[in-house]
PDB file of N, CA and C in Angstrom:
ATOM      1  N   LEU A   1     -23.965  -7.158   3.549  1.00  0.00           N
ATOM      2  CA  LEU A   1     -23.256  -8.250   3.142  1.00  0.00           C
ATOM      3  C   LEU A   1     -22.374  -8.480   4.505  1.00  0.00           C
ATOM      4  N   PRO A   2     -21.562  -9.573   3.956  1.00  0.00           N
ATOM      5  CA  PRO A   2     -20.764 -10.376   5.051  1.00  0.00           C
ATOM      6  C   PRO A   2     -19.641  -9.573   4.996  1.00  0.00           C
ATOM      7  N   LYS A   3     -18.697  -9.490   6.367  1.00  0.00           N
ATOM      8  CA  LYS A   3     -17.325  -8.732   6.201  1.00  0.00           C
ATOM      9  C   LYS A   3     -16.575  -9.468   5.208  1.00  0.00           C
ATOM     10  N   ALA A   4     -15.561  -8.417   4.609  1.00  0.00           N
ATOM     11  CA  ALA A   4     -14.750  -9.511   3.903  1.00  0.00           C
ATOM     12  C   ALA A   4     -13.322  -8.647   4.071  1.00  0.00           C
ATOM     13  N   SER A   5     -12.162  -9.475   4.140  1.00  0.00           N
ATOM     14  CA  SER A   5     -10.766  -9.180   4.703  1.00  0.00           C
ATOM     15  C   SER A   5     -10.244  -8.622   3.426  1.00  0.00           C
ATOM     16  N   PRO A   6      -9.412  -7.317   3.206  1.00  0.00           N
ATOM     17  CA  PRO A   6      -8.509  -6.988   2.298  1.00  0.00           C
ATOM     18  C   PRO A   6      -7.806  -8.205   1.745  1.00  0.00           C
ATOM     19  N   MET A   7      -7.424  -7.884   0.506  1.00  0.00           N
ATOM     20  CA  MET A   7      -5.939  -8.715  -0.320  1.00  0.00           C
ATOM     21  C   MET A   7      -5.144  -7.362  -0.096  1.00  0.00           C
ATOM     22  N   VAL A   8      -4.238  -7.710   0.363  1.00  0.00           N
ATOM     23  CA  VAL A   8      -3.092  -6.315   0.091  1.00  0.00           C
ATOM     24  C   VAL A   8      -1.920  -6.725  -0.848  1.00  0.00           C
ATOM     25  N   THR A   9      -1.335  -5.869  -1.711  1.00  0.00           N
ATOM     26  CA  THR A   9      -0.625  -5.912  -2.361  1.00  0.00           C
ATOM     27  C   THR A   9       0.499  -4.769  -2.565  1.00  0.00           C
ATOM     28  N   ALA A  10       1.820  -5.067  -2.199  1.00  0.00           N
ATOM     29  CA  ALA A  10       2.727  -3.980  -2.401  1.00  0.00           C
ATOM     30  C   ALA A  10       3.746  -3.682  -3.211  1.00  0.00           C
ATOM     31  N   PHE A  11       4.121  -2.963  -3.679  1.00  0.00           N
ATOM     32  CA  PHE A  11       4.456  -2.599  -5.171  1.00  0.00           C
ATOM     33  C   PHE A  11       5.644  -1.580  -5.027  1.00  0.00           C
ATOM     34  N   ALA A  12       6.873  -2.339  -5.129  1.00  0.00           N
ATOM     35  CA  ALA A  12       8.305  -1.239  -5.060  1.00  0.00           C
ATOM     36  C   ALA A  12       8.074  -0.223  -6.502  1.00  0.00           C
ATOM     37  N   PRO A  13       8.925   0.469  -6.423  1.00  0.00           N
ATOM     38  CA  PRO A  13       8.875   1.697  -7.446  1.00  0.00           C
ATOM     39  C   PRO A  13      10.007   1.068  -8.872  1.00  0.00           C
ATOM     40  N   SER A  14       9.712   1.354  -9.776  1.00  0.00           N
ATOM     41  CA  SER A  14      10.161   0.926 -11.066  1.00  0.00           C
ATOM     42  C   SER A  14      11.123   1.368 -11.446  1.00  0.00           C
ATOM     43  N   LYS A  15      12.157   0.625 -12.024  1.00  0.00           N
ATOM     44  CA  LYS A  15      13.451   0.949 -12.826  1.00  0.00           C
ATOM     45  C   LYS A  15      13.478   2.623 -13.300  1.00  0.00           C
ATOM     46  N   PRO A  16      12.744   2.756 -14.527  1.00  0.00           N
ATOM     47  CA  PRO A  16      12.948   4.156 -14.766  1.00  0.00           C
ATOM     48  C   PRO A  16      12.007   5.201 -13.852  1.00  0.00           C
ATOM     49  N   GLU A  17      11.442   5.066 -12.713  1.00  0.00           N
ATOM     50  CA  GLU A  17      11.040   6.297 -11.813  1.00  0.00           C
ATOM     51  C   GLU A  17      12.127   6.247 -10.800  1.00  0.00           C
ATOM     52  N   LEU A  18      13.293   5.249 -10.535  1.00  0.00           N
ATOM     53  CA  LEU A  18      14.060   5.068  -9.610  1.00  0.00           C
ATOM     54  C   LEU A  18      15.082   6.433 -10.473  1.00  0.00           C
ATOM     55  N   GLU A  19      15.387   6.344 -12.042  1.00  0.00           N
ATOM     56  CA  GLU A  19      16.194   7.169 -12.693  1.00  0.00           C
ATOM     57  C   GLU A  19      15.880   8.606 -12.785  1.00  0.00           C
ATOM     58  N   THR A  20      14.707   8.850 -12.416  1.00  0.00           N
ATOM     59  CA  THR A  20      14.296  10.432 -12.157  1.00  0.00           C
ATOM     60  C   THR A  20      14.588  10.818 -10.798  1.00  0.00           C
ATOM     61  N   LYS A  21      15.144   9.944  -9.739  1.00  0.00           N
ATOM     62  CA  LYS A  21      15.425  10.222  -8.408  1.00  0.00           C
ATOM     63  C   LYS A  21      14.342  10.049  -7.521  1.00  0.00           C
ATOM     64  N   LYS A  22      13.125   9.736  -8.039  1.00  0.00           N
ATOM     65  CA  LYS A  22      12.011   9.744  -7.496  1.00  0.00           C
ATOM     66  C   LYS A  22      11.640   8.163  -6.895  1.00  0.00           C
ATOM     67  N   ALA A  23      10.984   7.639  -5.924  1.00  0.00           N
ATOM     68  CA  ALA A  23      10.376   6.629  -5.654  1.00  0.00           C
ATOM     69  C   ALA A  23       9.106   6.370  -4.680  1.00  0.00           C
ATOM     70  N   THR A  24       8.234   6.049  -5.787  1.00  0.00           N
ATOM     71  CA  THR A  24       6.928   5.670  -5.348  1.00  0.00           C
ATOM     72  C   THR A  24       6.716   4.711  -4.653  1.00  0.00           C
ATOM     73  N   LEU A  25       6.173   4.117  -3.634  1.00  0.00           N
ATOM     74  CA  LEU A  25       5.817   2.871  -2.934  1.00  0.00           C
ATOM     75  C   LEU A  25       3.975   2.673  -3.006  1.00  0.00           C
ATOM     76  N   VAL A  26       3.640   1.706  -3.509  1.00  0.00           N
ATOM     77  CA  VAL A  26       2.229   1.566  -3.680  1.00  0.00           C
ATOM     78  C   VAL A  26       2.014   0.591  -3.036  1.00  0.00           C
ATOM     79  N   CYS A  27       0.861   0.670  -1.922  1.00  0.00           N
ATOM     80  CA  CYS A  27      -0.099  -0.501  -1.488  1.00  0.00           C
ATOM     81  C   CYS A  27      -1.079  -0.638  -2.228  1.00  0.00           C
ATOM     82  N   VAL A  28      -1.780  -1.571  -2.794  1.00  0.00           N
ATOM     83  CA  VAL A  28      -3.220  -1.713  -2.823  1.00  0.00           C
ATOM     84  C   VAL A  28      -4.107  -2.790  -2.164  1.00  0.00           C
ATOM     85  N   ILE A  29      -5.225  -2.408  -1.900  1.00  0.00           N
ATOM     86  CA  ILE A  29      -6.073  -2.903  -0.468  1.00  0.00           C
ATOM     87  C   ILE A  29      -7.163  -2.943  -1.560  1.00  0.00           C
ATOM     88  N   ASN A  30      -7.321  -4.658  -1.626  1.00  0.00           N
ATOM     89  CA  ASN A  30      -8.954  -4.974  -2.887  1.00  0.00           C
ATOM     90  C   ASN A  30      -9.915  -5.829  -2.043  1.00  0.00           C
ATOM     91  N   GLY A  31     -10.891  -5.727  -2.384  1.00  0.00           N
ATOM     92  CA  GLY A  31     -11.691  -6.743  -1.915  1.00  0.00           C
ATOM     93  C   GLY A  31     -12.355  -6.792  -0.393  1.00  0.00           C
ATOM     94  N   PHE A  32     -12.268  -5.518   0.116  1.00  0.00           N
ATOM     95  CA  PHE A  32     -12.984  -5.370   1.639  1.00  0.00           C
ATOM     96  C   PHE A  32     -14.055  -4.761   1.927  1.00  0.00           C
ATOM     97  N   TYR A  33     -14.689  -5.244   2.944  1.00  0.00           N
ATOM     98  CA  TYR A  33     -16.023  -4.870   3.209  1.00  0.00           C
ATOM     99  C   TYR A  33     -16.263  -4.954   4.951  1.00  0.00           C
ATOM    100  N   PRO A  34     -16.787  -4.095   5.267  1.00  0.00           N
ATOM    101  CA  PRO A  34     -17.025  -2.647   4.843  1.00  0.00           C
ATOM    102  C   PRO A  34     -16.150  -1.792   4.331  1.00  0.00           C
ATOM    103  N   SER A  35     -16.371  -0.694   4.493  1.00  0.00           N
ATOM    104  CA  SER A  35     -15.208   0.348   3.698  1.00  0.00           C
ATOM    105  C   SER A  35     -14.378   1.054   4.726  1.00  0.00           C
ATOM    106  N   THR A  36     -14.836   0.848   6.110  1.00  0.00           N
ATOM    107  CA  THR A  36     -13.663   1.739   6.761  1.00  0.00           C
ATOM    108  C   THR A  36     -12.452   0.740   6.913  1.00  0.00           C
ATOM    109  N   MET A  37     -11.046   1.375   6.636  1.00  0.00           N
ATOM    110  CA  MET A  37      -9.917   0.789   6.706  1.00  0.00           C
ATOM    111  C   MET A  37      -8.827   1.888   7.177  1.00  0.00           C
ATOM    112  N   ASP A  38      -7.929   1.740   7.984  1.00  0.00           N
ATOM    113  CA  ASP A  38      -6.617   2.615   8.059  1.00  0.00           C
ATOM    114  C   ASP A  38      -5.529   1.808   7.565  1.00  0.00           C
ATOM    115  N   VAL A  39      -4.850   2.601   6.966  1.00  0.00           N
ATOM    116  CA  VAL A  39      -3.098   2.393   6.220  1.00  0.00           C
ATOM    117  C   VAL A  39      -2.079   3.367   6.783  1.00  0.00           C
ATOM    118  N   ALA A  40      -1.157   2.655   7.279  1.00  0.00           N
ATOM    119  CA  ALA A  40       0.003   2.934   8.220  1.00  0.00           C
ATOM    120  C   ALA A  40       1.274   2.667   7.135  1.00  0.00           C
ATOM    121  N   TRP A  41       2.133   3.561   7.433  1.00  0.00           N
ATOM    122  CA  TRP A  41       3.336   2.964   6.658  1.00  0.00           C
ATOM    123  C   TRP A  41       4.242   3.464   7.748  1.00  0.00           C
ATOM    124  N   THR A  42       5.418   2.371   7.970  1.00  0.00           N
ATOM    125  CA  THR A  42       6.399   2.584   8.647  1.00  0.00           C
ATOM    126  C   THR A  42       7.669   2.375   7.794  1.00  0.00           C
ATOM    127  N   LYS A  43       8.690   2.701   8.440  1.00  0.00           N
ATOM    128  CA  LYS A  43      10.264   2.800   8.024  1.00  0.00           C
ATOM    129  C   LYS A  43      10.964   2.059   9.023  1.00  0.00           C
ATOM    130  N   ASN A  44      11.202   0.986   8.499  1.00  0.00           N
ATOM    131  CA  ASN A  44      12.291   0.379   9.646  1.00  0.00           C
ATOM    132  C   ASN A  44      11.504   0.067  11.205  1.00  0.00           C
ATOM    133  N   GLY A  45      10.028   0.158  11.003  1.00  0.00           N
ATOM    134  CA  GLY A  45       9.286   0.120  11.985  1.00  0.00           C
ATOM    135  C   GLY A  45       8.701   1.320  12.785  1.00  0.00           C
ATOM    136  N   SER A  46       8.987   2.731  12.374  1.00  0.00           N
ATOM    137  CA  SER A  46       8.664   3.747  12.939  1.00  0.00           C
ATOM    138  C   SER A  46       7.718   4.259  11.831  1.00  0.00           C
ATOM    139  N   PRO A  47       6.687   5.195  12.411  1.00  0.00           N
ATOM    140  CA  PRO A  47       5.819   5.556  11.299  1.00  0.00           C
ATOM    141  C   PRO A  47       6.277   6.605  10.316  1.00  0.00           C
ATOM    142  N   VAL A  48       5.890   6.692   9.566  1.00  0.00           N
ATOM    143  CA  VAL A  48       5.876   7.594   8.246  1.00  0.00           C
ATOM    144  C   VAL A  48       4.621   8.171   8.068  1.00  0.00           C
ATOM    145  N   THR A  49       4.557   9.451   7.801  1.00  0.00           N
ATOM    146  CA  THR A  49       3.586  10.311   7.520  1.00  0.00           C
ATOM    147  C   THR A  49       3.871  11.158   6.320  1.00  0.00           C
ATOM    148  N   GLN A  50       5.148  11.641   6.415  1.00  0.00           N
ATOM    149  CA  GLN A  50       5.350  12.259   5.211  1.00  0.00           C
ATOM    150  C   GLN A  50       5.060  11.761   3.437  1.00  0.00           C
ATOM    151  N   GLY A  51       4.270  12.256   2.658  1.00  0.00           N
ATOM    152  CA  GLY A  51       4.551  11.546   1.672  1.00  0.00           C
ATOM    153  C   GLY A  51       3.684  10.602   1.387  1.00  0.00           C
ATOM    154  N   VAL A  52       2.954  10.583   2.510  1.00  0.00           N
ATOM    155  CA  VAL A  52       1.740   9.608   2.180  1.00  0.00           C
ATOM    156  C   VAL A  52       0.481  10.086   1.364  1.00  0.00           C
ATOM    157  N   MET A  53      -0.248   9.326   0.842  1.00  0.00           N
ATOM    158  CA  MET A  53      -1.464   9.823   0.162  1.00  0.00           C
ATOM    159  C   MET A  53      -2.254   8.251  -0.109  1.00  0.00           C
ATOM    160  N   THR A  54      -3.677   8.426   0.411  1.00  0.00           N
ATOM    161  CA  THR A  54      -4.370   7.268   0.436  1.00  0.00           C
ATOM    162  C   THR A  54      -5.590   7.532  -0.211  1.00  0.00           C
ATOM    163  N   SER A  55      -6.303   6.819  -1.315  1.00  0.00           N
ATOM    164  CA  SER A  55      -7.135   7.145  -1.632  1.00  0.00           C
ATOM    165  C   SER A  55      -8.249   6.759  -1.243  1.00  0.00           C
ATOM    166  N   PRO A  56      -9.557   7.580  -0.855  1.00  0.00           N
ATOM    167  CA  PRO A  56     -10.701   6.806  -0.824  1.00  0.00           C
ATOM    168  C   PRO A  56     -11.301   5.753  -1.160  1.00  0.00           C
ATOM    169  N   PRO A  57     -11.795   5.008  -0.402  1.00  0.00           N
ATOM    170  CA  PRO A  57     -12.147   3.630  -1.235  1.00  0.00           C
ATOM    171  C   PRO A  57     -13.383   3.505  -1.915  1.00  0.00           C
ATOM    172  N   VAL A  58     -13.122   2.857  -2.873  1.00  0.00           N
ATOM    173  CA  VAL A  58     -14.311   2.989  -3.961  1.00  0.00           C
ATOM    174  C   VAL A  58     -14.902   1.490  -4.033  1.00  0.00           C
ATOM    175  N   ARG A  59     -16.221   1.610  -4.317  1.00  0.00           N
ATOM    176  CA  ARG A  59     -16.757   0.440  -4.472  1.00  0.00           C
ATOM    177  C   ARG A  59     -16.901  -0.219  -5.457  1.00  0.00           C
ATOM    178  N   GLN A  60     -16.594  -1.846  -5.701  1.00  0.00           N
ATOM    179  CA  GLN A  60     -16.388  -2.276  -6.596  1.00  0.00           C
ATOM    180  C   GLN A  60     -17.772  -3.105  -7.089  1.00  0.00           C
ATOM    181  N   SER A  61     -17.820  -3.536  -8.653  1.00  0.00           N
ATOM    182  CA  SER A  61     -19.065  -4.051  -8.916  1.00  0.00           C
ATOM    183  C   SER A  61     -19.501  -5.170  -8.109  1.00  0.00           C
ATOM    184  N   ASP A  62     -18.950  -6.000  -7.231  1.00  0.00           N
ATOM    185  CA  ASP A  62     -19.225  -7.266  -6.045  1.00  0.00           C
ATOM    186  C   ASP A  62     -19.747  -6.098  -4.986  1.00  0.00           C
ATOM    187  N   ASN A  63     -19.764  -5.117  -4.757  1.00  0.00           N
ATOM    188  CA  ASN A  63     -19.789  -4.000  -3.487  1.00  0.00           C
ATOM    189  C   ASN A  63     -18.956  -4.056  -2.540  1.00  0.00           C
ATOM    190  N   LYS A  64     -18.082  -4.781  -2.727  1.00  0.00           N
ATOM    191  CA  LYS A  64     -16.919  -4.822  -1.868  1.00  0.00           C
ATOM    192  C   LYS A  64     -15.897  -3.362  -2.359  1.00  0.00           C
ATOM    193  N   TYR A  65     -14.827  -3.042  -1.589  1.00  0.00           N
ATOM    194  CA  TYR A  65     -14.162  -1.827  -1.818  1.00  0.00           C
ATOM    195  C   TYR A  65     -12.582  -2.196  -2.036  1.00  0.00           C
ATOM    196  N   THR A  66     -12.123  -1.162  -2.865  1.00  0.00           N
ATOM    197  CA  THR A  66     -10.791  -1.415  -2.895  1.00  0.00           C
ATOM    198  C   THR A  66     -10.458   0.312  -2.746  1.00  0.00           C
ATOM    199  N   ALA A  67      -8.734   0.380  -2.484  1.00  0.00           N
ATOM    200  CA  ALA A  67      -8.128   1.871  -2.458  1.00  0.00           C
ATOM    201  C   ALA A  67      -6.627   1.372  -2.289  1.00  0.00           C
ATOM    202  N   SER A  68      -5.922   2.467  -2.625  1.00  0.00           N
ATOM    203  CA  SER A  68      -4.588   2.361  -2.862  1.00  0.00           C
ATOM    204  C   SER A  68      -3.708   3.231  -2.088  1.00  0.00           C
ATOM    205  N   SER A  69      -2.627   3.221  -1.529  1.00  0.00           N
ATOM    206  CA  SER A  69      -2.438   4.334  -0.697  1.00  0.00           C
ATOM    207  C   SER A  69      -0.225   4.220  -1.188  1.00  0.00           C
ATOM    208  N   TYR A  70      -0.096   5.548  -1.254  1.00  0.00           N
ATOM    209  CA  TYR A  70       1.162   5.953  -1.555  1.00  0.00           C
ATOM    210  C   TYR A  70       2.221   6.442  -1.226  1.00  0.00           C
ATOM    211  N   LEU A  71       3.229   6.026  -1.156  1.00  0.00           N
ATOM    212  CA  LEU A  71       4.259   6.276  -0.306  1.00  0.00           C
ATOM    213  C   LEU A  71       5.298   6.923  -1.195  1.00  0.00           C
ATOM    214  N   SER A  72       5.565   8.531  -1.289  1.00  0.00           N
ATOM    215  CA  SER A  72       6.193   9.401  -2.360  1.00  0.00           C
ATOM    216  C   SER A  72       8.007   9.261  -1.419  1.00  0.00           C
ATOM    217  N   LEU A  73       9.149   8.752  -1.920  1.00  0.00           N
ATOM    218  CA  LEU A  73      10.442   8.901  -1.448  1.00  0.00           C
ATOM    219  C   LEU A  73      11.345   9.486  -2.741  1.00  0.00           C
ATOM    220  N   SER A  74      12.764   9.978  -1.932  1.00  0.00           N
ATOM    221  CA  SER A  74      13.507   9.943  -2.859  1.00  0.00           C
ATOM    222  C   SER A  74      13.760   8.592  -3.270  1.00  0.00           C
ATOM    223  N   ALA A  75      14.889   8.574  -4.485  1.00  0.00           N
ATOM    224  CA  ALA A  75      15.460   7.131  -4.613  1.00  0.00           C
ATOM    225  C   ALA A  75      16.402   7.033  -3.762  1.00  0.00           C
ATOM    226  N   ASP A  76      17.046   7.815  -3.025  1.00  0.00           N
ATOM    227  CA  ASP A  76      18.169   7.638  -1.882  1.00  0.00           C
ATOM    228  C   ASP A  76      17.584   6.930  -1.032  1.00  0.00           C
ATOM    229  N   GLN A  77      16.171   7.350  -0.440  1.00  0.00           N
ATOM    230  CA  GLN A  77      15.652   7.365   0.679  1.00  0.00           C
ATOM    231  C   GLN A  77      14.958   5.577   0.522  1.00  0.00           C
ATOM    232  N   TRP A  78      14.591   5.171  -0.692  1.00  0.00           N
ATOM    233  CA  TRP A  78      14.343   3.706  -1.157  1.00  0.00           C
ATOM    234  C   TRP A  78      15.644   2.928  -0.928  1.00  0.00           C
ATOM    235  N   LEU A  79      16.492   3.395  -1.403  1.00  0.00           N
ATOM    236  CA  LEU A  79      17.929   2.600  -1.754  1.00  0.00           C
ATOM    237  C   LEU A  79      18.786   2.388  -0.579  1.00  0.00           C
ATOM    238  N   SER A  80      18.171   3.113   0.342  1.00  0.00           N
ATOM    239  CA  SER A  80      19.293   3.284   1.399  1.00  0.00           C
ATOM    240  C   SER A  80      18.713   1.997   2.611  1.00  0.00           C
ATOM    241  N   ASP A  81      18.917   0.745   2.031  1.00  0.00           N
ATOM    242  CA  ASP A  81      18.442  -0.510   2.779  1.00  0.00           C
ATOM    243  C   ASP A  81      17.157  -0.201   3.591  1.00  0.00           C
ATOM    244  N   SER A  82      16.668   0.242   3.706  1.00  0.00           N
ATOM    245  CA  SER A  82      15.624   0.439   5.161  1.00  0.00           C
ATOM    246  C   SER A  82      14.338  -0.628   4.381  1.00  0.00           C
ATOM    247  N   LEU A  83      13.690  -1.086   5.235  1.00  0.00           N
ATOM    248  CA  LEU A  83      12.535  -1.841   5.359  1.00  0.00           C
ATOM    249  C   LEU A  83      11.155  -0.752   5.452  1.00  0.00           C
ATOM    250  N   TYR A  84      10.407  -0.944   4.509  1.00  0.00           N
ATOM    251  CA  TYR A  84       9.076  -0.246   4.387  1.00  0.00           C
ATOM    252  C   TYR A  84       8.096  -1.333   4.493  1.00  0.00           C
ATOM    253  N   SER A  85       7.083  -0.780   5.308  1.00  0.00           N
ATOM    254  CA  SER A  85       5.810  -1.118   5.695  1.00  0.00           C
ATOM    255  C   SER A  85       4.683  -0.831   5.255  1.00  0.00           C
ATOM    256  N   CYS A  86       3.769  -1.530   4.677  1.00  0.00           N
ATOM    257  CA  CYS A  86       2.313  -0.743   4.602  1.00  0.00           C
ATOM    258  C   CYS A  86       1.516  -1.800   5.232  1.00  0.00           C
ATOM    259  N   LYS A  87       0.650  -1.164   6.521  1.00  0.00           N
ATOM    260  CA  LYS A  87       0.030  -1.770   7.166  1.00  0.00           C
ATOM    261  C   LYS A  87      -1.306  -1.284   6.950  1.00  0.00           C
ATOM    262  N   VAL A  88      -2.456  -2.350   6.899  1.00  0.00           N
ATOM    263  CA  VAL A  88      -4.004  -2.295   6.801  1.00  0.00           C
ATOM    264  C   VAL A  88      -4.702  -2.620   8.090  1.00  0.00           C
ATOM    265  N   THR A  89      -4.870  -2.014   8.577  1.00  0.00           N
ATOM    266  CA  THR A  89      -6.209  -2.243   9.777  1.00  0.00           C
ATOM    267  C   THR A  89      -7.355  -2.145   9.190  1.00  0.00           C
ATOM    268  N   HIS A  90      -8.187  -3.332   9.050  1.00  0.00           N
ATOM    269  CA  HIS A  90      -9.417  -3.666   8.654  1.00  0.00           C
ATOM    270  C   HIS A  90     -10.345  -4.492   9.568  1.00  0.00           C
ATOM    271  N   GLU A  91     -11.047  -3.943  10.480  1.00  0.00           N
ATOM    272  CA  GLU A  91     -12.603  -4.759  11.335  1.00  0.00           C
ATOM    273  C   GLU A  91     -11.382  -5.318  12.558  1.00  0.00           C
ATOM    274  N   GLY A  92     -10.520  -4.624  12.851  1.00  0.00           N
ATOM    275  CA  GLY A  92      -9.664  -5.208  13.861  1.00  0.00           C
ATOM    276  C   GLY A  92      -8.295  -6.129  13.660  1.00  0.00           C
ATOM    277  N   GLN A  93      -7.942  -6.300  11.932  1.00  0.00           N
ATOM    278  CA  GLN A  93      -7.569  -7.257  11.439  1.00  0.00           C
ATOM    279  C   GLN A  93      -6.261  -6.167  11.171  1.00  0.00           C
ATOM    280  N   VAL A  94      -5.155  -6.675  11.403  1.00  0.00           N
ATOM    281  CA  VAL A  94      -3.791  -5.949  10.408  1.00  0.00           C
ATOM    282  C   VAL A  94      -3.308  -6.922   9.282  1.00  0.00           C
ATOM    283  N   PHE A  95      -3.213  -6.207   8.071  1.00  0.00           N
ATOM    284  CA  PHE A  95      -2.715  -7.059   7.253  1.00  0.00           C
ATOM    285  C   PHE A  95      -1.247  -6.384   6.750  1.00  0.00           C
ATOM    286  N   GLN A  96      -0.036  -6.837   6.750  1.00  0.00           N
ATOM    287  CA  GLN A  96       1.320  -6.169   6.875  1.00  0.00           C
ATOM    288  C   GLN A  96       1.919  -6.515   5.092  1.00  0.00           C
ATOM    289  N   LYS A  97       2.653  -5.641   4.441  1.00  0.00           N
ATOM    290  CA  LYS A  97       3.208  -6.114   3.532  1.00  0.00           C
ATOM    291  C   LYS A  97       4.421  -5.400   3.591  1.00  0.00           C
ATOM    292  N   GLU A  98       5.634  -5.993   3.337  1.00  0.00           N
ATOM    293  CA  GLU A  98       6.812  -5.364   3.527  1.00  0.00           C
ATOM    294  C   GLU A  98       7.772  -4.898   2.041  1.00  0.00           C
ATOM    295  N   LEU A  99       8.177  -3.893   2.213  1.00  0.00           N
ATOM    296  CA  LEU A  99       9.044  -3.737   0.652  1.00  0.00           C
ATOM    297  C   LEU A  99      10.573  -3.320   1.229  1.00  0.00           C
ATOM    298  N   SER A 100      11.721  -3.600   0.549  1.00  0.00           N
ATOM    299  CA  SER A 100      12.711  -3.389   0.677  1.00  0.00           C
ATOM    300  C   SER A 100      13.271  -3.695  -0.642  1.00  0.00           C
ATOM    301  N   SER A 101      14.102  -2.232  -1.048  1.00  0.00           N
ATOM    302  CA  SER A 101      15.215  -2.042  -2.344  1.00  0.00           C
ATOM    303  C   SER A 101      16.300  -3.244  -2.476  1.00  0.00           C
ATOM    304  N   THR A 102      16.673  -4.110  -0.817  1.00  0.00           N
ATOM    305  CA  THR A 102      17.174  -5.161  -1.203  1.00  0.00           C
ATOM    306  C   THR A 102      17.155  -6.534  -1.230  1.00  0.00           C
ATOM    307  N   GLN A 103      15.629  -6.703  -1.406  1.00  0.00           N
ATOM    308  CA  GLN A 103      14.704  -8.116  -1.936  1.00  0.00           C
ATOM    309  C   GLN A 103      14.772  -7.594  -3.428  1.00  0.00           C
ATOM    310  N   CYS A 104      14.548  -8.396  -4.260  1.00  0.00           N
ATOM    311  CA  CYS A 104      13.849  -8.367  -5.569  1.00  0.00           C
ATOM    312  C   CYS A 104      13.005  -8.946  -5.588  1.00  0.00           C
ATOM    313  N   ILE A 105      12.001  -8.148  -6.020  1.00  0.00           N
ATOM    314  CA  ILE A 105      10.581  -8.470  -5.907  1.00  0.00           C
ATOM    315  C   ILE A 105      10.150  -9.033  -7.470  1.00  0.00           C
TER     316      ILE A 105
END
């Protein structure tokens, strides 16, 4: 199979979730091949490792892979005007999506 670059989409926490004082940031990585890739989260440029959960890649019907990565925060952390980034490295290429509570997405 030819190499395929991932489509990376980032989702901010929902209003109902924030009302429970929690915030989950989601990074969806779609349509990549081969299956090896790396996801890193940063807050204002510094690496975040706590609260990160990344699913193993799942093969889709077209033989490309999909995966998701989650960053669990408190609502306060999310609302603190910080810039969070999900950085996906695949076959030497870097794909980055940014999320911030000050942006209305």
